[in-house]
C-alpha atoms as a PDB file:
ATOM      1  CA  UNK A   1      43.168   7.626  29.612  1.00  0.00           C
ATOM      2  CA  UNK A   2      46.847   8.182  30.268  1.00  0.00           C
ATOM      3  CA  UNK A   3      47.739   8.971  33.877  1.00  0.00           C
ATOM      4  CA  UNK A   4      51.237  10.166  34.732  1.00  0.00           C
ATOM      5  CA  UNK A   5      53.077  12.332  37.260  1.00  0.00           C
ATOM      6  CA  UNK A   6      55.288  15.426  37.115  1.00  0.00           C
ATOM      7  CA  UNK A   7      58.671  16.693  38.221  1.00  0.00           C
ATOM      8  CA  UNK A   8      58.932  18.965  41.272  1.00  0.00           C
ATOM      9  CA  UNK A   9      61.159  22.017  40.864  1.00  0.00           C
ATOM     10  CA  UNK A  10      62.576  21.718  44.368  1.00  0.00           C
ATOM     11  CA  UNK A  11      63.339  18.053  43.762  1.00  0.00           C
ATOM     12  CA  UNK A  12      65.198  18.867  40.563  1.00  0.00           C
ATOM     13  CA  UNK A  13      67.228  21.573  42.261  1.00  0.00           C
ATOM     14  CA  UNK A  14      68.159  19.174  45.031  1.00  0.00           C
ATOM     15  CA  UNK A  15      69.252  16.601  42.458  1.00  0.00           C
ATOM     16  CA  UNK A  16      71.524  19.073  40.696  1.00  0.00           C
ATOM     17  CA  UNK A  17      73.100  20.202  43.960  1.00  0.00           C
ATOM     18  CA  UNK A  18      73.782  16.632  45.060  1.00  0.00           C
ATOM     19  CA  UNK A  19      75.382  15.683  41.741  1.00  0.00           C
ATOM     20  CA  UNK A  20      77.636  18.742  41.815  1.00  0.00           C
ATOM     21  CA  UNK A  21      78.695  17.950  45.369  1.00  0.00           C
ATOM     22  CA  UNK A  22      79.470  14.366  44.394  1.00  0.00           C
ATOM     23  CA  UNK A  23      81.599  15.487  41.472  1.00  0.00           C
ATOM     24  CA  UNK A  24      83.420  17.987  43.645  1.00  0.00           C
ATOM     25  CA  UNK A  25      84.246  15.342  46.258  1.00  0.00           C
ATOM     26  CA  UNK A  26      86.178  13.160  43.722  1.00  0.00           C
ATOM     27  CA  UNK A  27      85.308  10.173  45.878  1.00  0.00           C
ATOM     28  CA  UNK A  28      83.410   7.092  44.712  1.00  0.00           C
ATOM     29  CA  UNK A  29      81.517   6.846  47.983  1.00  0.00           C
ATOM     30  CA  UNK A  30      80.306  10.417  47.601  1.00  0.00           C
ATOM     31  CA  UNK A  31      79.176   9.747  44.058  1.00  0.00           C
ATOM     32  CA  UNK A  32      77.316   6.594  45.099  1.00  0.00           C
ATOM     33  CA  UNK A  33      75.588   8.500  47.903  1.00  0.00           C
ATOM     34  CA  UNK A  34      74.601  11.285  45.502  1.00  0.00           C
ATOM     35  CA  UNK A  35      73.188   8.768  42.999  1.00  0.00           C
ATOM     36  CA  UNK A  36      71.198   7.037  45.736  1.00  0.00           C
ATOM     37  CA  UNK A  37      69.722  10.286  46.981  1.00  0.00           C
ATOM     38  CA  UNK A  38      69.070  11.271  43.320  1.00  0.00           C
ATOM     39  CA  UNK A  39      66.618   8.411  42.886  1.00  0.00           C
ATOM     40  CA  UNK A  40      64.945   9.017  46.255  1.00  0.00           C
ATOM     41  CA  UNK A  41      64.504  12.697  45.456  1.00  0.00           C
ATOM     42  CA  UNK A  42      63.243  11.917  41.953  1.00  0.00           C
ATOM     43  CA  UNK A  43      60.589   9.596  43.357  1.00  0.00           C
ATOM     44  CA  UNK A  44      59.406  12.325  45.745  1.00  0.00           C
ATOM     45  CA  UNK A  45      59.395  14.875  42.931  1.00  0.00           C
ATOM     46  CA  UNK A  46      57.262  12.625  40.720  1.00  0.00           C
ATOM     47  CA  UNK A  47      54.718  12.006  43.505  1.00  0.00           C
ATOM     48  CA  UNK A  48      53.236  15.538  43.647  1.00  0.00           C
ATOM     49  CA  UNK A  49      51.483  16.095  40.322  1.00  0.00           C
ATOM     50  CA  UNK A  50      49.060  13.673  38.663  1.00  0.00           C
ATOM     51  CA  UNK A  51      47.705  14.224  35.146  1.00  0.00           C
ATOM     52  CA  UNK A  52      45.122  12.265  33.127  1.00  0.00           C
ATOM     53  CA  UNK A  53      44.608  12.851  29.392  1.00  0.00           C
ATOM     54  CA  UNK A  54      43.204  10.737  26.532  1.00  0.00           C
ATOM     55  CA  UNK A  55      45.599   9.063  24.124  1.00  0.00           C
ATOM     56  CA  UNK A  56      44.145  10.873  21.101  1.00  0.00           C
ATOM     57  CA  UNK A  57      41.676  13.520  19.919  1.00  0.00           C
ATOM     58  CA  UNK A  58      40.071  14.093  16.506  1.00  0.00           C
ATOM     59  CA  UNK A  59      40.261  17.324  14.505  1.00  0.00           C
ATOM     60  CA  UNK A  60      37.431  19.661  15.517  1.00  0.00           C
ATOM     61  CA  UNK A  61      36.955  18.118  18.952  1.00  0.00           C
ATOM     62  CA  UNK A  62      38.289  18.952  22.390  1.00  0.00           C
ATOM     63  CA  UNK A  63      39.972  17.007  25.151  1.00  0.00           C
ATOM     64  CA  UNK A  64      40.093  17.441  28.885  1.00  0.00           C
ATOM     65  CA  UNK A  65      43.139  17.439  31.095  1.00  0.00           C
ATOM     66  CA  UNK A  66      42.424  16.339  34.665  1.00  0.00           C
ATOM     67  CA  UNK A  67      45.051  17.397  37.176  1.00  0.00           C
ATOM     68  CA  UNK A  68      45.488  16.278  40.759  1.00  0.00           C
ATOM     69  CA  UNK A  69      48.024  17.138  43.406  1.00  0.00           C
ATOM     70  CA  UNK A  70      48.824  15.140  46.510  1.00  0.00           C
ATOM     71  CA  UNK A  71      48.483  17.019  49.772  1.00  0.00           C
ATOM     72  CA  UNK A  72      46.359  20.157  50.099  1.00  0.00           C
ATOM     73  CA  UNK A  73      43.534  20.774  47.564  1.00  0.00           C
ATOM     74  CA  UNK A  74      44.472  22.858  44.540  1.00  0.00           C
ATOM     75  CA  UNK A  75      43.638  26.544  44.447  1.00  0.00           C
ATOM     76  CA  UNK A  76      41.598  28.141  41.667  1.00  0.00           C
ATOM     77  CA  UNK A  77      43.737  28.673  38.569  1.00  0.00           C
ATOM     78  CA  UNK A  78      46.716  26.948  40.151  1.00  0.00           C
ATOM     79  CA  UNK A  79      47.573  24.856  37.087  1.00  0.00           C
ATOM     80  CA  UNK A  80      48.478  26.011  33.596  1.00  0.00           C
ATOM     81  CA  UNK A  81      48.359  23.805  30.488  1.00  0.00           C
ATOM     82  CA  UNK A  82      50.554  24.674  27.511  1.00  0.00           C
ATOM     83  CA  UNK A  83      49.452  22.985  24.275  1.00  0.00           C
ATOM     84  CA  UNK A  84      51.925  23.256  21.411  1.00  0.00           C
ATOM     85  CA  UNK A  85      51.183  22.743  17.723  1.00  0.00           C
ATOM     86  CA  UNK A  86      52.430  25.318  15.215  1.00  0.00           C
ATOM     87  CA  UNK A  87      52.112  27.783  18.089  1.00  0.00           C
ATOM     88  CA  UNK A  88      51.801  27.238  21.821  1.00  0.00           C
ATOM     89  CA  UNK A  89      48.592  28.174  23.651  1.00  0.00           C
ATOM     90  CA  UNK A  90      48.080  28.338  27.398  1.00  0.00           C
ATOM     91  CA  UNK A  91      44.918  27.539  29.368  1.00  0.00           C
ATOM     92  CA  UNK A  92      44.232  27.967  33.100  1.00  0.00           C
ATOM     93  CA  UNK A  93      42.581  25.255  35.161  1.00  0.00           C
ATOM     94  CA  UNK A  94      39.295  25.397  37.049  1.00  0.00           C
ATOM     95  CA  UNK A  95      38.183  23.279  40.043  1.00  0.00           C
ATOM     96  CA  UNK A  96      36.438  20.025  39.172  1.00  0.00           C
ATOM     97  CA  UNK A  97      33.865  18.211  41.300  1.00  0.00           C
ATOM     98  CA  UNK A  98      36.486  15.799  42.613  1.00  0.00           C
ATOM     99  CA  UNK A  99      38.083  17.195  45.744  1.00  0.00           C
ATOM    100  CA  UNK A 100      41.482  18.668  44.986  1.00  0.00           C
ATOM    101  CA  UNK A 101      41.351  17.983  41.240  1.00  0.00           C
ATOM    102  CA  UNK A 102      41.300  20.562  38.475  1.00  0.00           C
ATOM    103  CA  UNK A 103      40.304  20.440  34.811  1.00  0.00           C
ATOM    104  CA  UNK A 104      41.443  22.193  31.637  1.00  0.00           C
ATOM    105  CA  UNK A 105      39.457  21.947  28.387  1.00  0.00           C
ATOM    106  CA  UNK A 106      41.662  22.124  25.305  1.00  0.00           C
ATOM    107  CA  UNK A 107      40.179  22.718  21.809  1.00  0.00           C
ATOM    108  CA  UNK A 108      41.578  21.270  18.578  1.00  0.00           C
ATOM    109  CA  UNK A 109      40.692  23.196  15.412  1.00  0.00           C
ATOM    110  CA  UNK A 110      39.258  21.473  12.336  1.00  0.00           C
ATOM    111  CA  UNK A 111      42.337  22.340  10.266  1.00  0.00           C
ATOM    112  CA  UNK A 112      45.033  21.240  12.712  1.00  0.00           C
ATOM    113  CA  UNK A 113      47.409  18.771  11.080  1.00  0.00           C
ATOM    114  CA  UNK A 114      47.314  15.166  12.334  1.00  0.00           C
ATOM    115  CA  UNK A 115      50.384  14.830  14.505  1.00  0.00           C
ATOM    116  CA  UNK A 116      51.758  14.101  17.939  1.00  0.00           C
ATOM    117  CA  UNK A 117      51.230  17.313  19.916  1.00  0.00           C
ATOM    118  CA  UNK A 118      53.235  18.313  22.959  1.00  0.00           C
ATOM    119  CA  UNK A 119      51.538  19.093  26.247  1.00  0.00           C
ATOM    120  CA  UNK A 120      52.918  20.577  29.451  1.00  0.00           C
ATOM    121  CA  UNK A 121      51.175  21.059  32.792  1.00  0.00           C
ATOM    122  CA  UNK A 122      52.616  23.571  35.237  1.00  0.00           C
ATOM    123  CA  UNK A 123      51.925  23.706  38.960  1.00  0.00           C
ATOM    124  CA  UNK A 124      53.500  25.943  41.581  1.00  0.00           C
ATOM    125  CA  UNK A 125      56.814  24.089  41.508  1.00  0.00           C
ATOM    126  CA  UNK A 126      56.097  21.163  39.184  1.00  0.00           C
ATOM    127  CA  UNK A 127      55.896  20.528  35.478  1.00  0.00           C
ATOM    128  CA  UNK A 128      54.474  17.460  33.744  1.00  0.00           C
ATOM    129  CA  UNK A 129      55.392  16.760  30.109  1.00  0.00           C
ATOM    130  CA  UNK A 130      53.397  14.530  27.782  1.00  0.00           C
ATOM    131  CA  UNK A 131      51.817  14.287  24.332  1.00  0.00           C
ATOM    132  CA  UNK A 132      48.526  13.526  22.607  1.00  0.00           C
ATOM    133  CA  UNK A 133      47.861  12.293  19.074  1.00  0.00           C
ATOM    134  CA  UNK A 134      45.642  14.424  16.816  1.00  0.00           C
ATOM    135  CA  UNK A 135      43.712  12.203  14.423  1.00  0.00           C
ATOM    136  CA  UNK A 136      42.194  13.152  11.075  1.00  0.00           C
ATOM    137  CA  UNK A 137      38.432  13.712  10.798  1.00  0.00           C
ATOM    138  CA  UNK A 138      36.663  12.939   7.522  1.00  0.00           C
ATOM    139  CA  UNK A 139      34.484  16.012   7.087  1.00  0.00           C
ATOM    140  CA  UNK A 140      31.845  15.873   4.325  1.00  0.00           C
ATOM    141  CA  UNK A 141      32.012  18.127   1.272  1.00  0.00           C
ATOM    142  CA  UNK A 142      28.911  20.163   0.375  1.00  0.00           C
ATOM    143  CA  UNK A 143      27.456  19.369  -3.035  1.00  0.00           C
ATOM    144  CA  UNK A 144      26.663  22.932  -4.071  1.00  0.00           C
ATOM    145  CA  UNK A 145      28.883  25.966  -4.587  1.00  0.00           C
ATOM    146  CA  UNK A 146      27.733  29.060  -2.681  1.00  0.00           C
ATOM    147  CA  UNK A 147      27.879  32.336  -4.618  1.00  0.00           C
ATOM    148  CA  UNK A 148      29.011  35.204  -2.381  1.00  0.00           C
ATOM    149  CA  UNK A 149      28.397  38.845  -3.214  1.00  0.00           C
ATOM    150  CA  UNK A 150      31.203  41.390  -2.995  1.00  0.00           C
ATOM    151  CA  UNK A 151      30.791  43.081   0.430  1.00  0.00           C
ATOM    152  CA  UNK A 152      30.165  46.804   0.484  1.00  0.00           C
ATOM    153  CA  UNK A 153      32.307  49.237   2.488  1.00  0.00           C
ATOM    154  CA  UNK A 154      29.469  49.582   5.010  1.00  0.00           C
ATOM    155  CA  UNK A 155      29.227  45.800   5.380  1.00  0.00           C
ATOM    156  CA  UNK A 156      32.968  45.539   5.995  1.00  0.00           C
ATOM    157  CA  UNK A 157      32.790  48.216   8.696  1.00  0.00           C
ATOM    158  CA  UNK A 158      29.840  46.497  10.343  1.00  0.00           C
ATOM    159  CA  UNK A 159      31.620  43.139  10.348  1.00  0.00           C
ATOM    160  CA  UNK A 160      34.727  44.745  11.827  1.00  0.00           C
ATOM    161  CA  UNK A 161      32.616  46.072  14.727  1.00  0.00           C
ATOM    162  CA  UNK A 162      31.142  42.620  15.306  1.00  0.00           C
ATOM    163  CA  UNK A 163      34.596  41.026  15.356  1.00  0.00           C
ATOM    164  CA  UNK A 164      35.729  43.562  17.970  1.00  0.00           C
ATOM    165  CA  UNK A 165      32.817  42.493  20.178  1.00  0.00           C
ATOM    166  CA  UNK A 166      33.898  38.866  19.805  1.00  0.00           C
ATOM    167  CA  UNK A 167      37.512  39.742  20.604  1.00  0.00           C
ATOM    168  CA  UNK A 168      36.368  41.513  23.774  1.00  0.00           C
ATOM    169  CA  UNK A 169      34.376  38.453  24.852  1.00  0.00           C
ATOM    170  CA  UNK A 170      37.351  36.168  24.201  1.00  0.00           C
ATOM    171  CA  UNK A 171      39.683  38.463  26.147  1.00  0.00           C
ATOM    172  CA  UNK A 172      37.349  38.691  29.160  1.00  0.00           C
ATOM    173  CA  UNK A 173      36.354  35.145  30.026  1.00  0.00           C
ATOM    174  CA  UNK A 174      33.821  34.655  32.807  1.00  0.00           C
ATOM    175  CA  UNK A 175      35.539  32.718  35.590  1.00  0.00           C
ATOM    176  CA  UNK A 176      32.342  31.338  37.092  1.00  0.00           C
ATOM    177  CA  UNK A 177      31.568  27.809  35.893  1.00  0.00           C
ATOM    178  CA  UNK A 178      27.965  27.202  34.795  1.00  0.00           C
ATOM    179  CA  UNK A 179      28.425  23.749  33.219  1.00  0.00           C
ATOM    180  CA  UNK A 180      28.611  20.348  34.884  1.00  0.00           C
ATOM    181  CA  UNK A 181      31.629  18.044  34.844  1.00  0.00           C
ATOM    182  CA  UNK A 182      30.019  15.717  32.304  1.00  0.00           C
ATOM    183  CA  UNK A 183      29.824  18.600  29.767  1.00  0.00           C
ATOM    184  CA  UNK A 184      26.485  17.351  28.440  1.00  0.00           C
ATOM    185  CA  UNK A 185      24.239  20.202  27.359  1.00  0.00           C
ATOM    186  CA  UNK A 186      20.474  20.264  26.879  1.00  0.00           C
ATOM    187  CA  UNK A 187      18.966  20.433  23.398  1.00  0.00           C
ATOM    188  CA  UNK A 188      18.561  23.955  21.977  1.00  0.00           C
ATOM    189  CA  UNK A 189      15.374  22.686  20.276  1.00  0.00           C
ATOM    190  CA  UNK A 190      12.653  20.322  21.469  1.00  0.00           C
ATOM    191  CA  UNK A 191      13.913  17.825  18.870  1.00  0.00           C
ATOM    192  CA  UNK A 192      17.099  17.821  16.834  1.00  0.00           C
ATOM    193  CA  UNK A 193      17.267  17.030  13.128  1.00  0.00           C
ATOM    194  CA  UNK A 194      20.545  18.085  11.553  1.00  0.00           C
ATOM    195  CA  UNK A 195      20.475  19.369   7.980  1.00  0.00           C
ATOM    196  CA  UNK A 196      24.137  20.428   7.766  1.00  0.00           C
ATOM    197  CA  UNK A 197      26.877  19.017   9.946  1.00  0.00           C
ATOM    198  CA  UNK A 198      29.850  20.482  11.767  1.00  0.00           C
ATOM    199  CA  UNK A 199      33.035  20.634   9.747  1.00  0.00           C
ATOM    200  CA  UNK A 200      31.269  20.347   6.381  1.00  0.00           C
ATOM    201  CA  UNK A 201      33.555  21.748   3.705  1.00  0.00           C
ATOM    202  CA  UNK A 202      31.657  24.441   1.814  1.00  0.00           C
ATOM    203  CA  UNK A 203      32.882  25.622  -1.564  1.00  0.00           C
ATOM    204  CA  UNK A 204      32.380  29.315  -2.289  1.00  0.00           C
ATOM    205  CA  UNK A 205      32.791  31.654  -5.248  1.00  0.00           C
ATOM    206  CA  UNK A 206      32.874  35.444  -5.317  1.00  0.00           C
ATOM    207  CA  UNK A 207      30.166  36.762  -7.625  1.00  0.00           C
ATOM    208  CA  UNK A 208      31.494  38.097 -10.958  1.00  0.00           C
ATOM    209  CA  UNK A 209      35.028  36.807 -10.404  1.00  0.00           C
ATOM    210  CA  UNK A 210      37.048  33.606 -10.639  1.00  0.00           C
ATOM    211  CA  UNK A 211      37.917  33.747  -6.938  1.00  0.00           C
ATOM    212  CA  UNK A 212      37.062  30.449  -5.227  1.00  0.00           C
ATOM    213  CA  UNK A 213      37.743  29.106  -1.759  1.00  0.00           C
ATOM    214  CA  UNK A 214      36.554  26.548   0.770  1.00  0.00           C
ATOM    215  CA  UNK A 215      35.500  27.039   4.379  1.00  0.00           C
ATOM    216  CA  UNK A 216      34.577  24.670   7.195  1.00  0.00           C
ATOM    217  CA  UNK A 217      31.084  24.884   8.686  1.00  0.00           C
ATOM    218  CA  UNK A 218      31.644  26.055  12.274  1.00  0.00           C
ATOM    219  CA  UNK A 219      28.407  24.666  13.699  1.00  0.00           C
ATOM    220  CA  UNK A 220      25.431  22.404  13.045  1.00  0.00           C
ATOM    221  CA  UNK A 221      22.266  23.489  11.226  1.00  0.00           C
ATOM    222  CA  UNK A 222      19.089  22.067  12.755  1.00  0.00           C
ATOM    223  CA  UNK A 223      15.685  22.009  11.084  1.00  0.00           C
ATOM    224  CA  UNK A 224      13.479  24.604  12.782  1.00  0.00           C
ATOM    225  CA  UNK A 225      10.356  26.095  11.170  1.00  0.00           C
ATOM    226  CA  UNK A 226       9.742  29.822  11.637  1.00  0.00           C
ATOM    227  CA  UNK A 227       8.738  30.623  15.203  1.00  0.00           C
ATOM    228  CA  UNK A 228      10.079  27.402  16.792  1.00  0.00           C
ATOM    229  CA  UNK A 229      11.226  28.029  20.373  1.00  0.00           C
ATOM    230  CA  UNK A 230      15.000  28.108  20.936  1.00  0.00           C
ATOM    231  CA  UNK A 231      16.383  27.163  24.368  1.00  0.00           C
ATOM    232  CA  UNK A 232      19.636  27.830  26.205  1.00  0.00           C
ATOM    233  CA  UNK A 233      21.699  24.662  25.953  1.00  0.00           C
ATOM    234  CA  UNK A 234      23.341  25.404  29.309  1.00  0.00           C
ATOM    235  CA  UNK A 235      23.093  27.983  32.067  1.00  0.00           C
ATOM    236  CA  UNK A 236      25.156  31.105  31.557  1.00  0.00           C
ATOM    237  CA  UNK A 237      25.254  34.817  30.839  1.00  0.00           C
ATOM    238  CA  UNK A 238      24.074  36.418  27.587  1.00  0.00           C
ATOM    239  CA  UNK A 239      27.037  38.236  26.038  1.00  0.00           C
ATOM    240  CA  UNK A 240      25.430  39.139  22.673  1.00  0.00           C
ATOM    241  CA  UNK A 241      21.754  39.677  21.774  1.00  0.00           C
ATOM    242  CA  UNK A 242      21.964  41.659  18.528  1.00  0.00           C
ATOM    243  CA  UNK A 243      21.294  41.588  14.820  1.00  0.00           C
ATOM    244  CA  UNK A 244      24.549  40.756  13.045  1.00  0.00           C
ATOM    245  CA  UNK A 245      25.475  40.905   9.393  1.00  0.00           C
ATOM    246  CA  UNK A 246      25.654  37.255   8.341  1.00  0.00           C
ATOM    247  CA  UNK A 247      24.153  35.456  11.317  1.00  0.00           C
ATOM    248  CA  UNK A 248      21.111  37.730  11.602  1.00  0.00           C
ATOM    249  CA  UNK A 249      19.464  37.864  15.027  1.00  0.00           C
ATOM    250  CA  UNK A 250      22.226  36.374  17.153  1.00  0.00           C
ATOM    251  CA  UNK A 251      22.500  35.211  20.757  1.00  0.00           C
ATOM    252  CA  UNK A 252      25.848  34.285  22.301  1.00  0.00           C
ATOM    253  CA  UNK A 253      25.888  32.737  25.767  1.00  0.00           C
ATOM    254  CA  UNK A 254      28.930  32.472  28.022  1.00  0.00           C
ATOM    255  CA  UNK A 255      29.093  29.355  30.206  1.00  0.00           C
ATOM    256  CA  UNK A 256      32.379  30.262  31.863  1.00  0.00           C
ATOM    257  CA  UNK A 257      36.063  29.435  31.345  1.00  0.00           C
ATOM    258  CA  UNK A 258      36.028  30.131  27.608  1.00  0.00           C
ATOM    259  CA  UNK A 259      33.023  27.908  26.750  1.00  0.00           C
ATOM    260  CA  UNK A 260      30.444  29.725  24.572  1.00  0.00           C
ATOM    261  CA  UNK A 261      27.282  28.715  22.688  1.00  0.00           C
ATOM    262  CA  UNK A 262      26.025  30.561  19.572  1.00  0.00           C
ATOM    263  CA  UNK A 263      22.461  30.717  18.177  1.00  0.00           C
ATOM    264  CA  UNK A 264      22.078  32.244  14.680  1.00  0.00           C
ATOM    265  CA  UNK A 265      19.285  33.345  12.298  1.00  0.00           C
ATOM    266  CA  UNK A 266      16.577  33.855  14.949  1.00  0.00           C
ATOM    267  CA  UNK A 267      13.337  35.584  13.998  1.00  0.00           C
ATOM    268  CA  UNK A 268      13.055  37.039  17.499  1.00  0.00           C
ATOM    269  CA  UNK A 269      15.412  37.455  20.461  1.00  0.00           C
ATOM    270  CA  UNK A 270      13.855  37.052  23.931  1.00  0.00           C
ATOM    271  CA  UNK A 271      16.860  37.822  26.163  1.00  0.00           C
ATOM    272  CA  UNK A 272      19.033  40.857  26.887  1.00  0.00           C
ATOM    273  CA  UNK A 273      22.806  41.242  27.119  1.00  0.00           C
ATOM    274  CA  UNK A 274      24.084  40.669  30.646  1.00  0.00           C
ATOM    275  CA  UNK A 275      21.056  38.551  31.563  1.00  0.00           C
ATOM    276  CA  UNK A 276      21.592  35.260  33.403  1.00  0.00           C
ATOM    277  CA  UNK A 277      19.673  32.402  31.818  1.00  0.00           C
ATOM    278  CA  UNK A 278      19.122  28.945  33.228  1.00  0.00           C
ATOM    279  CA  UNK A 279      19.618  25.766  31.202  1.00  0.00           C
ATOM    280  CA  UNK A 280      16.492  25.174  29.097  1.00  0.00           C
ATOM    281  CA  UNK A 281      15.312  28.781  29.317  1.00  0.00           C
ATOM    282  CA  UNK A 282      13.728  30.282  26.188  1.00  0.00           C
ATOM    283  CA  UNK A 283      16.100  32.698  24.419  1.00  0.00           C
ATOM    284  CA  UNK A 284      14.341  33.275  21.082  1.00  0.00           C
ATOM    285  CA  UNK A 285      12.433  31.953  18.099  1.00  0.00           C
ATOM    286  CA  UNK A 286      13.835  30.281  14.987  1.00  0.00           C
ATOM    287  CA  UNK A 287      13.860  32.119  11.682  1.00  0.00           C
ATOM    288  CA  UNK A 288      15.899  32.940   8.589  1.00  0.00           C
ATOM    289  CA  UNK A 289      17.450  36.324   9.435  1.00  0.00           C
ATOM    290  CA  UNK A 290      20.885  37.241   8.100  1.00  0.00           C
ATOM    291  CA  UNK A 291      22.149  35.196   5.185  1.00  0.00           C
ATOM    292  CA  UNK A 292      20.082  32.092   6.000  1.00  0.00           C
ATOM    293  CA  UNK A 293      18.387  30.328   3.118  1.00  0.00           C
ATOM    294  CA  UNK A 294      15.255  28.994   4.795  1.00  0.00           C
ATOM    295  CA  UNK A 295      14.315  28.886   8.457  1.00  0.00           C
ATOM    296  CA  UNK A 296      16.690  26.881  10.675  1.00  0.00           C
ATOM    297  CA  UNK A 297      18.892  27.151  13.759  1.00  0.00           C
ATOM    298  CA  UNK A 298      22.651  27.372  13.342  1.00  0.00           C
ATOM    299  CA  UNK A 299      24.029  26.125  16.675  1.00  0.00           C
ATOM    300  CA  UNK A 300      27.693  26.512  17.499  1.00  0.00           C
ATOM    301  CA  UNK A 301      30.066  25.805  20.397  1.00  0.00           C
ATOM    302  CA  UNK A 302      33.355  27.657  20.756  1.00  0.00           C
ATOM    303  CA  UNK A 303      36.005  26.810  23.309  1.00  0.00           C
ATOM    304  CA  UNK A 304      38.695  29.436  23.839  1.00  0.00           C
ATOM    305  CA  UNK A 305      37.710  31.041  20.505  1.00  0.00           C
ATOM    306  CA  UNK A 306      37.885  27.787  18.511  1.00  0.00           C
ATOM    307  CA  UNK A 307      34.720  26.164  17.086  1.00  0.00           C
ATOM    308  CA  UNK A 308      34.384  22.540  18.225  1.00  0.00           C
ATOM    309  CA  UNK A 309      31.850  19.851  17.348  1.00  0.00           C
ATOM    310  CA  UNK A 310      28.528  20.646  19.106  1.00  0.00           C
ATOM    311  CA  UNK A 311      27.523  16.973  19.025  1.00  0.00           C
ATOM    312  CA  UNK A 312      30.235  16.339  21.627  1.00  0.00           C
ATOM    313  CA  UNK A 313      28.092  18.361  24.073  1.00  0.00           C
ATOM    314  CA  UNK A 314      24.526  17.471  23.119  1.00  0.00           C
ATOM    315  CA  UNK A 315      24.023  14.481  25.379  1.00  0.00           C
ATOM    316  CA  UNK A 316      21.090  15.833  27.401  1.00  0.00           C
ATOM    317  CA  UNK A 317      17.436  16.616  26.762  1.00  0.00           C
ATOM    318  CA  UNK A 318      15.512  19.805  27.277  1.00  0.00           C
END
């Protein structure tokens, strides 16, 4: 982990004022005094904000930014992290278990280019500047080519409605935190046997045309015979309990602060939208609804809209 400190805005302003006064005085003694106070002020400015981040993160994973501030404990949402790749995204902090420290979880998409990414942390009057290296992940390539039928007008309209529901969920994050600091979820099945992994590159072809493309698998497929019980991987609120076009009977749970879990292709849904469910609670039965070929559970984790590797969270047991 890399631990550094940030500049204080008041300290920087004081530095500028002192330098200007020294220049205006045209006296060596005044300049020396200004330079001396410059370093003292800079030290004080650097002492307020403390940030810890990893040195690197792989494509399709996430990283955490731990932020501390000397003095009084931080208030909820006090810190803002700006993560800049092709575009800059901003994420608000939430209180961690450590007294006075805050945490921000930052997702890295599967298709982000390996690079050195810029990172800024903003406090009330401080800003910390750093970087993190994004490393390449070697995602497997599926052996088969999936033939996709041309969607009907009705199917397109239905999918558009589903995407609007997702956009509403993304835009209205629950600010209560249901997950622990270790971010280790319970198993969504009594036992996990993966049949298709996260990030797998799937080749597709539109039926009756020469149109071909590739898409990353956004979750993990687990073997689950018809009727196998499905459990909530973490406590949270049910945001979706509906039959959707491709994913069939679908449950989406919100664990707070932009962290969501998805459960696809169920044969039966046992929860309702708006219901609070505890970690390990039954939410449905496995099946092959939607476009599933054979009974299984597609399990997915999204952080601030971006799918990230579920295996990073599955450290617990039911």
